[in-house]
Amino acid sequence: GQILISQETCYLVQDYAEVQSVGDLLLKGQSQSEPVYE
C-alpha cells in the first residue's frame, strides 16, 4: 500500500500530492544513495 517516489518525481507532483521523506536509500544497481519520498 505504500507509494515511494524519487526526488525528481516528488518535484513533478508537488502540486498534486503530499509527500514525506523516508530518507536516503541505496537502490540496487546504484552507486550512491538518493532521497526517497512516500
Full PDB file with SEQRES, HELIX, SHEET, SSBOND, CRYST1, ORIGX, SCALE, CONECT and MASTER records, all heavy atoms in Angstrom:
SEQRES   1 A   38  GLY GLN ILE LEU ILE SER GLN GLU THR CYS TYR LEU VAL          
SEQRES   2 A   38  GLN ASP TYR ALA GLU VAL GLN SER VAL GLY ASP LEU LEU          
SEQRES   3 A   38  LEU LYS GLY GLN SER GLN SER GLU PRO VAL TYR GLU              
HELIX    1 AA1 GLN A    7  VAL A   13  1                                   7    
SHEET    1 AA1 3 ILE A   5  SER A   6  0                                        
SHEET    2 AA1 3 GLU A  34  TYR A  37 -1                                        
SHEET    3 AA1 3 SER A  21  LEU A  25 -1                                        
CRYST1    1.000    1.000    1.000  90.00  90.00  90.00 P 1           1          
ORIGX1      1.000000  0.000000  0.000000        0.00000                         
ORIGX2      0.000000  1.000000  0.000000        0.00000                         
ORIGX3      0.000000  0.000000  1.000000        0.00000                         
SCALE1      1.000000  0.000000  0.000000        0.00000                         
SCALE2      0.000000  1.000000  0.000000        0.00000                         
SCALE3      0.000000  0.000000  1.000000        0.00000                         
ATOM      1  N   GLY A   1       0.788  -1.231   0.000  1.00  0.00           N  
ATOM      2  CA  GLY A   1       0.000   0.000   0.000  1.00  0.00           C  
ATOM      3  C   GLY A   1       0.818   1.278   0.000  1.00  0.00           C  
ATOM      4  O   GLY A   1       0.267   2.365  -0.071  1.00  0.00           O  
ATOM      5  N   GLN A   2       2.119   1.175   0.079  1.00  0.00           N  
ATOM      6  CA  GLN A   2       2.991   2.344   0.128  1.00  0.00           C  
ATOM      7  C   GLN A   2       3.424   2.725  -1.287  1.00  0.00           C  
ATOM      8  O   GLN A   2       3.711   1.857  -2.108  1.00  0.00           O  
ATOM      9  CB  GLN A   2       4.221   2.023   0.980  1.00  0.00           C  
ATOM     10  CG  GLN A   2       5.134   3.188   1.232  1.00  0.00           C  
ATOM     11  CD  GLN A   2       6.342   2.797   2.077  1.00  0.00           C  
ATOM     12  OE1 GLN A   2       6.922   1.727   1.914  1.00  0.00           O  
ATOM     13  NE2 GLN A   2       6.714   3.681   2.991  1.00  0.00           N  
ATOM     14  N   ILE A   3       3.496   4.026  -1.549  1.00  0.00           N  
ATOM     15  CA  ILE A   3       3.978   4.528  -2.839  1.00  0.00           C  
ATOM     16  C   ILE A   3       5.248   5.328  -2.584  1.00  0.00           C  
ATOM     17  O   ILE A   3       5.211   6.359  -1.919  1.00  0.00           O  
ATOM     18  CB  ILE A   3       2.928   5.418  -3.528  1.00  0.00           C  
ATOM     19  CG1 ILE A   3       1.649   4.645  -3.764  1.00  0.00           C  
ATOM     20  CG2 ILE A   3       3.482   5.980  -4.834  1.00  0.00           C  
ATOM     21  CD1 ILE A   3       0.491   5.503  -4.244  1.00  0.00           C  
ATOM     22  N   LEU A   4       6.369   4.835  -3.103  1.00  0.00           N  
ATOM     23  CA  LEU A   4       7.644   5.527  -2.974  1.00  0.00           C  
ATOM     24  C   LEU A   4       7.985   6.176  -4.303  1.00  0.00           C  
ATOM     25  O   LEU A   4       7.778   5.592  -5.362  1.00  0.00           O  
ATOM     26  CB  LEU A   4       8.754   4.550  -2.572  1.00  0.00           C  
ATOM     27  CG  LEU A   4       8.609   3.880  -1.219  1.00  0.00           C  
ATOM     28  CD1 LEU A   4       9.780   2.932  -0.972  1.00  0.00           C  
ATOM     29  CD2 LEU A   4       8.503   4.900  -0.104  1.00  0.00           C  
ATOM     30  N   ILE A   5       8.523   7.401  -4.223  1.00  0.00           N  
ATOM     31  CA  ILE A   5       8.892   8.135  -5.436  1.00  0.00           C  
ATOM     32  C   ILE A   5      10.266   8.767  -5.265  1.00  0.00           C  
ATOM     33  O   ILE A   5      10.735   8.999  -4.148  1.00  0.00           O  
ATOM     34  CB  ILE A   5       7.844   9.221  -5.789  1.00  0.00           C  
ATOM     35  CG1 ILE A   5       7.696  10.241  -4.653  1.00  0.00           C  
ATOM     36  CG2 ILE A   5       6.503   8.587  -6.137  1.00  0.00           C  
ATOM     37  CD1 ILE A   5       6.772  11.409  -4.978  1.00  0.00           C  
ATOM     38  N   SER A   6      10.886   9.052  -6.381  1.00  0.00           N  
ATOM     39  CA  SER A   6      12.205   9.694  -6.385  1.00  0.00           C  
ATOM     40  C   SER A   6      12.060  11.192  -6.162  1.00  0.00           C  
ATOM     41  O   SER A   6      10.955  11.753  -6.206  1.00  0.00           O  
ATOM     42  CB  SER A   6      12.894   9.447  -7.727  1.00  0.00           C  
ATOM     43  OG  SER A   6      12.185  10.124  -8.753  1.00  0.00           O  
ATOM     44  N   GLN A   7      13.181  11.842  -5.962  1.00  0.00           N  
ATOM     45  CA  GLN A   7      13.182  13.291  -5.780  1.00  0.00           C  
ATOM     46  C   GLN A   7      12.678  13.994  -7.040  1.00  0.00           C  
ATOM     47  O   GLN A   7      11.954  14.979  -6.959  1.00  0.00           O  
ATOM     48  CB  GLN A   7      14.580  13.782  -5.419  1.00  0.00           C  
ATOM     49  CG  GLN A   7      14.632  15.250  -5.066  1.00  0.00           C  
ATOM     50  CD  GLN A   7      15.963  15.647  -4.460  1.00  0.00           C  
ATOM     51  OE1 GLN A   7      16.925  14.883  -4.454  1.00  0.00           O  
ATOM     52  NE2 GLN A   7      16.031  16.846  -3.935  1.00  0.00           N  
ATOM     53  N   GLU A   8      13.041  13.472  -8.207  1.00  0.00           N  
ATOM     54  CA  GLU A   8      12.594  14.062  -9.465  1.00  0.00           C  
ATOM     55  C   GLU A   8      11.069  14.011  -9.583  1.00  0.00           C  
ATOM     56  O   GLU A   8      10.422  14.980  -9.963  1.00  0.00           O  
ATOM     57  CB  GLU A   8      13.220  13.343 -10.669  1.00  0.00           C  
ATOM     58  CG  GLU A   8      14.714  13.466 -10.740  1.00  0.00           C  
ATOM     59  CD  GLU A   8      15.439  12.284 -10.088  1.00  0.00           C  
ATOM     60  OE1 GLU A   8      14.838  11.558  -9.251  1.00  0.00           O  
ATOM     61  OE2 GLU A   8      16.619  12.095 -10.405  1.00  0.00           O  
ATOM     62  N   THR A   9      10.503  12.863  -9.251  1.00  0.00           N  
ATOM     63  CA  THR A   9       9.047  12.704  -9.308  1.00  0.00           C  
ATOM     64  C   THR A   9       8.378  13.558  -8.240  1.00  0.00           C  
ATOM     65  O   THR A   9       7.323  14.155  -8.491  1.00  0.00           O  
ATOM     66  CB  THR A   9       8.660  11.227  -9.144  1.00  0.00           C  
ATOM     67  OG1 THR A   9       9.294  10.470 -10.168  1.00  0.00           O  
ATOM     68  CG2 THR A   9       7.162  11.035  -9.223  1.00  0.00           C  
ATOM     69  N   CYS A  10       8.983  13.658  -7.071  1.00  0.00           N  
ATOM     70  CA  CYS A  10       8.445  14.492  -5.996  1.00  0.00           C  
ATOM     71  C   CYS A  10       8.263  15.927  -6.479  1.00  0.00           C  
ATOM     72  O   CYS A  10       7.235  16.550  -6.228  1.00  0.00           O  
ATOM     73  CB  CYS A  10       9.377  14.434  -4.797  1.00  0.00           C  
ATOM     74  SG  CYS A  10       8.835  15.416  -3.391  1.00  0.00           S  
ATOM     75  N   TYR A  11       9.247  16.434  -7.194  1.00  0.00           N  
ATOM     76  CA  TYR A  11       9.177  17.792  -7.728  1.00  0.00           C  
ATOM     77  C   TYR A  11       7.991  17.936  -8.690  1.00  0.00           C  
ATOM     78  O   TYR A  11       7.284  18.937  -8.674  1.00  0.00           O  
ATOM     79  CB  TYR A  11      10.492  18.137  -8.427  1.00  0.00           C  
ATOM     80  CG  TYR A  11      10.465  19.472  -9.119  1.00  0.00           C  
ATOM     81  CD1 TYR A  11      10.544  20.657  -8.395  1.00  0.00           C  
ATOM     82  CD2 TYR A  11      10.351  19.555 -10.499  1.00  0.00           C  
ATOM     83  CE1 TYR A  11      10.502  21.891  -9.018  1.00  0.00           C  
ATOM     84  CE2 TYR A  11      10.318  20.782 -11.145  1.00  0.00           C  
ATOM     85  CZ  TYR A  11      10.383  21.939 -10.400  1.00  0.00           C  
ATOM     86  OH  TYR A  11      10.335  23.161 -11.026  1.00  0.00           O  
ATOM     87  N   LEU A  12       7.765  16.917  -9.515  1.00  0.00           N  
ATOM     88  CA  LEU A  12       6.690  16.985 -10.514  1.00  0.00           C  
ATOM     89  C   LEU A  12       5.291  16.885  -9.911  1.00  0.00           C  
ATOM     90  O   LEU A  12       4.339  17.413 -10.479  1.00  0.00           O  
ATOM     91  CB  LEU A  12       6.870  15.879 -11.560  1.00  0.00           C  
ATOM     92  CG  LEU A  12       8.071  16.032 -12.482  1.00  0.00           C  
ATOM     93  CD1 LEU A  12       8.232  14.788 -13.338  1.00  0.00           C  
ATOM     94  CD2 LEU A  12       7.924  17.274 -13.349  1.00  0.00           C  
ATOM     95  N   VAL A  13       5.159  16.212  -8.776  1.00  0.00           N  
ATOM     96  CA  VAL A  13       3.819  16.009  -8.203  1.00  0.00           C  
ATOM     97  C   VAL A  13       3.534  16.921  -7.015  1.00  0.00           C  
ATOM     98  O   VAL A  13       2.485  16.785  -6.370  1.00  0.00           O  
ATOM     99  CB  VAL A  13       3.590  14.530  -7.793  1.00  0.00           C  
ATOM    100  CG1 VAL A  13       3.776  13.599  -8.972  1.00  0.00           C  
ATOM    101  CG2 VAL A  13       4.478  14.128  -6.626  1.00  0.00           C  
ATOM    102  N   GLN A  14       4.400  17.869  -6.720  1.00  0.00           N  
ATOM    103  CA  GLN A  14       4.246  18.692  -5.518  1.00  0.00           C  
ATOM    104  C   GLN A  14       2.925  19.448  -5.450  1.00  0.00           C  
ATOM    105  O   GLN A  14       2.446  19.755  -4.356  1.00  0.00           O  
ATOM    106  CB  GLN A  14       5.427  19.639  -5.362  1.00  0.00           C  
ATOM    107  CG  GLN A  14       5.550  20.680  -6.448  1.00  0.00           C  
ATOM    108  CD  GLN A  14       6.808  21.509  -6.299  1.00  0.00           C  
ATOM    109  OE1 GLN A  14       7.490  21.463  -5.273  1.00  0.00           O  
ATOM    110  NE2 GLN A  14       7.127  22.271  -7.331  1.00  0.00           N  
ATOM    111  N   ASP A  15       2.319  19.762  -6.591  1.00  0.00           N  
ATOM    112  CA  ASP A  15       1.028  20.456  -6.589  1.00  0.00           C  
ATOM    113  C   ASP A  15      -0.153  19.498  -6.481  1.00  0.00           C  
ATOM    114  O   ASP A  15      -1.289  19.940  -6.370  1.00  0.00           O  
ATOM    115  CB  ASP A  15       0.870  21.290  -7.866  1.00  0.00           C  
ATOM    116  CG  ASP A  15       1.866  22.440  -7.931  1.00  0.00           C  
ATOM    117  OD1 ASP A  15       2.336  22.887  -6.866  1.00  0.00           O  
ATOM    118  OD2 ASP A  15       2.169  22.886  -9.052  1.00  0.00           O  
ATOM    119  N   TYR A  16       0.112  18.203  -6.531  1.00  0.00           N  
ATOM    120  CA  TYR A  16      -0.957  17.212  -6.583  1.00  0.00           C  
ATOM    121  C   TYR A  16      -0.946  16.231  -5.417  1.00  0.00           C  
ATOM    122  O   TYR A  16      -1.900  15.485  -5.228  1.00  0.00           O  
ATOM    123  CB  TYR A  16      -0.865  16.407  -7.885  1.00  0.00           C  
ATOM    124  CG  TYR A  16      -0.822  17.287  -9.096  1.00  0.00           C  
ATOM    125  CD1 TYR A  16       0.380  17.598  -9.724  1.00  0.00           C  
ATOM    126  CD2 TYR A  16      -1.987  17.851  -9.613  1.00  0.00           C  
ATOM    127  CE1 TYR A  16       0.424  18.426 -10.831  1.00  0.00           C  
ATOM    128  CE2 TYR A  16      -1.953  18.680 -10.714  1.00  0.00           C  
ATOM    129  CZ  TYR A  16      -0.749  18.963 -11.321  1.00  0.00           C  
ATOM    130  OH  TYR A  16      -0.709  19.783 -12.413  1.00  0.00           O  
ATOM    131  N   ALA A  17       0.143  16.207  -4.649  1.00  0.00           N  
ATOM    132  CA  ALA A  17       0.259  15.213  -3.590  1.00  0.00           C  
ATOM    133  C   ALA A  17       1.064  15.736  -2.413  1.00  0.00           C  
ATOM    134  O   ALA A  17       1.960  16.556  -2.575  1.00  0.00           O  
ATOM    135  CB  ALA A  17       0.920  13.954  -4.135  1.00  0.00           C  
ATOM    136  N   GLU A  18       0.702  15.238  -1.235  1.00  0.00           N  
ATOM    137  CA  GLU A  18       1.502  15.484  -0.039  1.00  0.00           C  
ATOM    138  C   GLU A  18       2.475  14.323   0.098  1.00  0.00           C  
ATOM    139  O   GLU A  18       2.077  13.158  -0.002  1.00  0.00           O  
ATOM    140  CB  GLU A  18       0.599  15.554   1.188  1.00  0.00           C  
ATOM    141  CG  GLU A  18       1.326  15.752   2.489  1.00  0.00           C  
ATOM    142  CD  GLU A  18       0.393  15.744   3.689  1.00  0.00           C  
ATOM    143  OE1 GLU A  18      -0.796  16.075   3.524  1.00  0.00           O  
ATOM    144  OE2 GLU A  18       0.863  15.383   4.784  1.00  0.00           O  
ATOM    145  N   VAL A  19       3.736  14.640   0.292  1.00  0.00           N  
ATOM    146  CA  VAL A  19       4.756  13.596   0.424  1.00  0.00           C  
ATOM    147  C   VAL A  19       5.543  13.817   1.699  1.00  0.00           C  
ATOM    148  O   VAL A  19       5.560  14.923   2.254  1.00  0.00           O  
ATOM    149  CB  VAL A  19       5.711  13.573  -0.797  1.00  0.00           C  
ATOM    150  CG1 VAL A  19       4.945  13.327  -2.081  1.00  0.00           C  
ATOM    151  CG2 VAL A  19       6.519  14.843  -0.882  1.00  0.00           C  
ATOM    152  N   GLN A  20       6.190  12.753   2.159  1.00  0.00           N  
ATOM    153  CA  GLN A  20       7.103  12.891   3.291  1.00  0.00           C  
ATOM    154  C   GLN A  20       8.367  12.096   2.984  1.00  0.00           C  
ATOM    155  O   GLN A  20       8.316  11.051   2.328  1.00  0.00           O  
ATOM    156  CB  GLN A  20       6.473  12.434   4.596  1.00  0.00           C  
ATOM    157  CG  GLN A  20       6.221  10.964   4.726  1.00  0.00           C  
ATOM    158  CD  GLN A  20       5.558  10.615   6.050  1.00  0.00           C  
ATOM    159  OE1 GLN A  20       4.753  11.388   6.569  1.00  0.00           O  
ATOM    160  NE2 GLN A  20       5.884   9.467   6.599  1.00  0.00           N  
ATOM    161  N   SER A  21       9.462  12.619   3.448  1.00  0.00           N  
ATOM    162  CA  SER A  21      10.749  11.978   3.200  1.00  0.00           C  
ATOM    163  C   SER A  21      10.846  10.682   3.991  1.00  0.00           C  
ATOM    164  O   SER A  21      10.437  10.613   5.154  1.00  0.00           O  
ATOM    165  CB  SER A  21      11.876  12.912   3.610  1.00  0.00           C  
ATOM    166  OG  SER A  21      13.117  12.245   3.511  1.00  0.00           O  
ATOM    167  N   VAL A  22      11.396   9.657   3.357  1.00  0.00           N  
ATOM    168  CA  VAL A  22      11.715   8.421   4.073  1.00  0.00           C  
ATOM    169  C   VAL A  22      13.233   8.290   4.216  1.00  0.00           C  
ATOM    170  O   VAL A  22      13.734   7.267   4.649  1.00  0.00           O  
ATOM    171  CB  VAL A  22      11.110   7.170   3.391  1.00  0.00           C  
ATOM    172  CG1 VAL A  22       9.609   7.221   3.410  1.00  0.00           C  
ATOM    173  CG2 VAL A  22      11.620   6.983   1.988  1.00  0.00           C  
ATOM    174  N   GLY A  23      13.943   9.347   3.822  1.00  0.00           N  
ATOM    175  CA  GLY A  23      15.392   9.371   3.938  1.00  0.00           C  
ATOM    176  C   GLY A  23      16.070   8.988   2.638  1.00  0.00           C  
ATOM    177  O   GLY A  23      15.439   8.828   1.607  1.00  0.00           O  
ATOM    178  N   ASP A  24      17.367   8.843   2.722  1.00  0.00           N  
ATOM    179  CA  ASP A  24      18.151   8.440   1.558  1.00  0.00           C  
ATOM    180  C   ASP A  24      18.230   6.918   1.522  1.00  0.00           C  
ATOM    181  O   ASP A  24      18.510   6.289   2.548  1.00  0.00           O  
ATOM    182  CB  ASP A  24      19.558   9.012   1.625  1.00  0.00           C  
ATOM    183  CG  ASP A  24      19.602  10.513   1.391  1.00  0.00           C  
ATOM    184  OD1 ASP A  24      18.534  11.101   1.128  1.00  0.00           O  
ATOM    185  OD2 ASP A  24      20.692  11.089   1.460  1.00  0.00           O  
ATOM    186  N   LEU A  25      17.972   6.350   0.363  1.00  0.00           N  
ATOM    187  CA  LEU A  25      18.057   4.904   0.191  1.00  0.00           C  
ATOM    188  C   LEU A  25      19.062   4.578  -0.903  1.00  0.00           C  
ATOM    189  O   LEU A  25      19.172   5.291  -1.898  1.00  0.00           O  
ATOM    190  CB  LEU A  25      16.700   4.319  -0.198  1.00  0.00           C  
ATOM    191  CG  LEU A  25      15.559   4.418   0.801  1.00  0.00           C  
ATOM    192  CD1 LEU A  25      14.298   3.781   0.231  1.00  0.00           C  
ATOM    193  CD2 LEU A  25      15.933   3.746   2.113  1.00  0.00           C  
ATOM    194  N   LEU A  26      19.789   3.494  -0.696  1.00  0.00           N  
ATOM    195  CA  LEU A  26      20.677   2.976  -1.722  1.00  0.00           C  
ATOM    196  C   LEU A  26      19.915   1.896  -2.470  1.00  0.00           C  
ATOM    197  O   LEU A  26      19.554   0.870  -1.898  1.00  0.00           O  
ATOM    198  CB  LEU A  26      21.953   2.391  -1.120  1.00  0.00           C  
ATOM    199  CG  LEU A  26      22.958   1.813  -2.111  1.00  0.00           C  
ATOM    200  CD1 LEU A  26      23.433   2.894  -3.082  1.00  0.00           C  
ATOM    201  CD2 LEU A  26      24.134   1.203  -1.385  1.00  0.00           C  
ATOM    202  N   LEU A  27      19.624   2.157  -3.727  1.00  0.00           N  
ATOM    203  CA  LEU A  27      18.869   1.224  -4.539  1.00  0.00           C  
ATOM    204  C   LEU A  27      19.816   0.292  -5.274  1.00  0.00           C  
ATOM    205  O   LEU A  27      20.908   0.695  -5.679  1.00  0.00           O  
ATOM    206  CB  LEU A  27      17.989   1.978  -5.540  1.00  0.00           C  
ATOM    207  CG  LEU A  27      16.994   2.973  -4.936  1.00  0.00           C  
ATOM    208  CD1 LEU A  27      16.286   3.743  -6.034  1.00  0.00           C  
ATOM    209  CD2 LEU A  27      16.001   2.267  -4.038  1.00  0.00           C  
ATOM    210  N   LYS A  28      19.404  -0.936  -5.445  1.00  0.00           N  
ATOM    211  CA  LYS A  28      20.208  -1.925  -6.151  1.00  0.00           C  
ATOM    212  C   LYS A  28      20.615  -1.389  -7.527  1.00  0.00           C  
ATOM    213  O   LYS A  28      19.792  -0.824  -8.245  1.00  0.00           O  
ATOM    214  CB  LYS A  28      19.406  -3.211  -6.304  1.00  0.00           C  
ATOM    215  CG  LYS A  28      20.149  -4.335  -6.965  1.00  0.00           C  
ATOM    216  CD  LYS A  28      19.281  -5.573  -7.029  1.00  0.00           C  
ATOM    217  CE  LYS A  28      19.981  -6.676  -7.795  1.00  0.00           C  
ATOM    218  NZ  LYS A  28      19.134  -7.873  -7.897  1.00  0.00           N  
ATOM    219  N   GLY A  29      21.880  -1.542  -7.855  1.00  0.00           N  
ATOM    220  CA  GLY A  29      22.376  -1.084  -9.142  1.00  0.00           C  
ATOM    221  C   GLY A  29      22.820   0.369  -9.166  1.00  0.00           C  
ATOM    222  O   GLY A  29      23.347   0.840 -10.164  1.00  0.00           O  
ATOM    223  N   GLN A  30      22.622   1.102  -8.073  1.00  0.00           N  
ATOM    224  CA  GLN A  30      23.033   2.498  -7.994  1.00  0.00           C  
ATOM    225  C   GLN A  30      24.321   2.600  -7.183  1.00  0.00           C  
ATOM    226  O   GLN A  30      24.555   1.812  -6.270  1.00  0.00           O  
ATOM    227  CB  GLN A  30      21.949   3.349  -7.322  1.00  0.00           C  
ATOM    228  CG  GLN A  30      20.601   3.307  -8.011  1.00  0.00           C  
ATOM    229  CD  GLN A  30      20.621   4.003  -9.362  1.00  0.00           C  
ATOM    230  OE1 GLN A  30      21.264   5.014  -9.543  1.00  0.00           O  
ATOM    231  NE2 GLN A  30      19.906   3.433 -10.309  1.00  0.00           N  
ATOM    232  N   SER A  31      25.160   3.592  -7.501  1.00  0.00           N  
ATOM    233  CA  SER A  31      26.437   3.737  -6.808  1.00  0.00           C  
ATOM    234  C   SER A  31      26.342   4.568  -5.529  1.00  0.00           C  
ATOM    235  O   SER A  31      27.212   4.485  -4.679  1.00  0.00           O  
ATOM    236  CB  SER A  31      27.482   4.346  -7.747  1.00  0.00           C  
ATOM    237  OG  SER A  31      27.041   5.614  -8.197  1.00  0.00           O  
ATOM    238  N   GLN A  32      25.277   5.368  -5.406  1.00  0.00           N  
ATOM    239  CA  GLN A  32      25.119   6.168  -4.196  1.00  0.00           C  
ATOM    240  C   GLN A  32      23.642   6.285  -3.830  1.00  0.00           C  
ATOM    241  O   GLN A  32      22.769   6.162  -4.668  1.00  0.00           O  
ATOM    242  CB  GLN A  32      25.751   7.539  -4.355  1.00  0.00           C  
ATOM    243  CG  GLN A  32      25.279   8.343  -5.539  1.00  0.00           C  
ATOM    244  CD  GLN A  32      26.124   9.602  -5.706  1.00  0.00           C  
ATOM    245  OE1 GLN A  32      26.943   9.953  -4.876  1.00  0.00           O  
ATOM    246  NE2 GLN A  32      25.902  10.303  -6.799  1.00  0.00           N  
ATOM    247  N   SER A  33      23.404   6.538  -2.550  1.00  0.00           N  
ATOM    248  CA  SER A  33      22.024   6.661  -2.083  1.00  0.00           C  
ATOM    249  C   SER A  33      21.416   7.966  -2.577  1.00  0.00           C  
ATOM    250  O   SER A  33      22.132   8.892  -2.967  1.00  0.00           O  
ATOM    251  CB  SER A  33      21.972   6.589  -0.554  1.00  0.00           C  
ATOM    252  OG  SER A  33      22.712   7.634   0.019  1.00  0.00           O  
ATOM    253  N   GLU A  34      20.091   8.009  -2.581  1.00  0.00           N  
ATOM    254  CA  GLU A  34      19.393   9.212  -3.033  1.00  0.00           C  
ATOM    255  C   GLU A  34      18.119   9.398  -2.229  1.00  0.00           C  
ATOM    256  O   GLU A  34      17.581   8.447  -1.658  1.00  0.00           O  
ATOM    257  CB  GLU A  34      19.089   9.135  -4.516  1.00  0.00           C  
ATOM    258  CG  GLU A  34      18.224   7.975  -4.926  1.00  0.00           C  
ATOM    259  CD  GLU A  34      18.052   7.940  -6.434  1.00  0.00           C  
ATOM    260  OE1 GLU A  34      18.894   7.340  -7.099  1.00  0.00           O  
ATOM    261  OE2 GLU A  34      17.078   8.526  -6.907  1.00  0.00           O  
ATOM    262  N   PRO A  35      17.614  10.641  -2.167  1.00  0.00           N  
ATOM    263  CA  PRO A  35      16.403  10.917  -1.394  1.00  0.00           C  
ATOM    264  C   PRO A  35      15.199  10.187  -1.988  1.00  0.00           C  
ATOM    265  O   PRO A  35      15.019  10.141  -3.200  1.00  0.00           O  
ATOM    266  CB  PRO A  35      16.215  12.431  -1.529  1.00  0.00           C  
ATOM    267  CG  PRO A  35      17.507  12.961  -2.037  1.00  0.00           C  
ATOM    268  CD  PRO A  35      18.169  11.852  -2.770  1.00  0.00           C  
ATOM    269  N   VAL A  36      14.388   9.621  -1.091  1.00  0.00           N  
ATOM    270  CA  VAL A  36      13.173   8.919  -1.493  1.00  0.00           C  
ATOM    271  C   VAL A  36      12.026   9.462  -0.654  1.00  0.00           C  
ATOM    272  O   VAL A  36      12.203   9.797   0.525  1.00  0.00           O  
ATOM    273  CB  VAL A  36      13.330   7.397  -1.299  1.00  0.00           C  
ATOM    274  CG1 VAL A  36      12.024   6.662  -1.579  1.00  0.00           C  
ATOM    275  CG2 VAL A  36      14.438   6.866  -2.187  1.00  0.00           C  
ATOM    276  N   TYR A  37      10.852   9.564  -1.262  1.00  0.00           N  
ATOM    277  CA  TYR A  37       9.678  10.124  -0.605  1.00  0.00           C  
ATOM    278  C   TYR A  37       8.513   9.157  -0.697  1.00  0.00           C  
ATOM    279  O   TYR A  37       8.411   8.371  -1.638  1.00  0.00           O  
ATOM    280  CB  TYR A  37       9.292  11.454  -1.271  1.00  0.00           C  
ATOM    281  CG  TYR A  37      10.398  12.471  -1.184  1.00  0.00           C  
ATOM    282  CD1 TYR A  37      11.408  12.506  -2.143  1.00  0.00           C  
ATOM    283  CD2 TYR A  37      10.455  13.370  -0.150  1.00  0.00           C  
ATOM    284  CE1 TYR A  37      12.448  13.416  -2.062  1.00  0.00           C  
ATOM    285  CE2 TYR A  37      11.486  14.289  -0.053  1.00  0.00           C  
ATOM    286  CZ  TYR A  37      12.478  14.306  -1.013  1.00  0.00           C  
ATOM    287  OH  TYR A  37      13.513  15.204  -0.924  1.00  0.00           O  
ATOM    288  N   GLU A  38       7.620   9.249   0.290  1.00  0.00           N  
ATOM    289  CA  GLU A  38       6.387   8.470   0.286  1.00  0.00           C  
ATOM    290  C   GLU A  38       5.218   9.395   0.006  1.00  0.00           C  
ATOM    291  O   GLU A  38       5.117  10.473   0.607  1.00  0.00           O  
ATOM    292  CB  GLU A  38       6.184   7.803   1.643  1.00  0.00           C  
ATOM    293  CG  GLU A  38       4.884   7.032   1.725  1.00  0.00           C  
ATOM    294  CD  GLU A  38       4.648   6.410   3.089  1.00  0.00           C  
ATOM    295  OE1 GLU A  38       5.409   6.685   4.038  1.00  0.00           O  
ATOM    296  OE2 GLU A  38       3.683   5.645   3.199  1.00  0.00           O  
TER     297      GLU A  38                                                      
MASTER        0    0    0    1    3    0    0    6  296    1    0    3          
END                                                                             
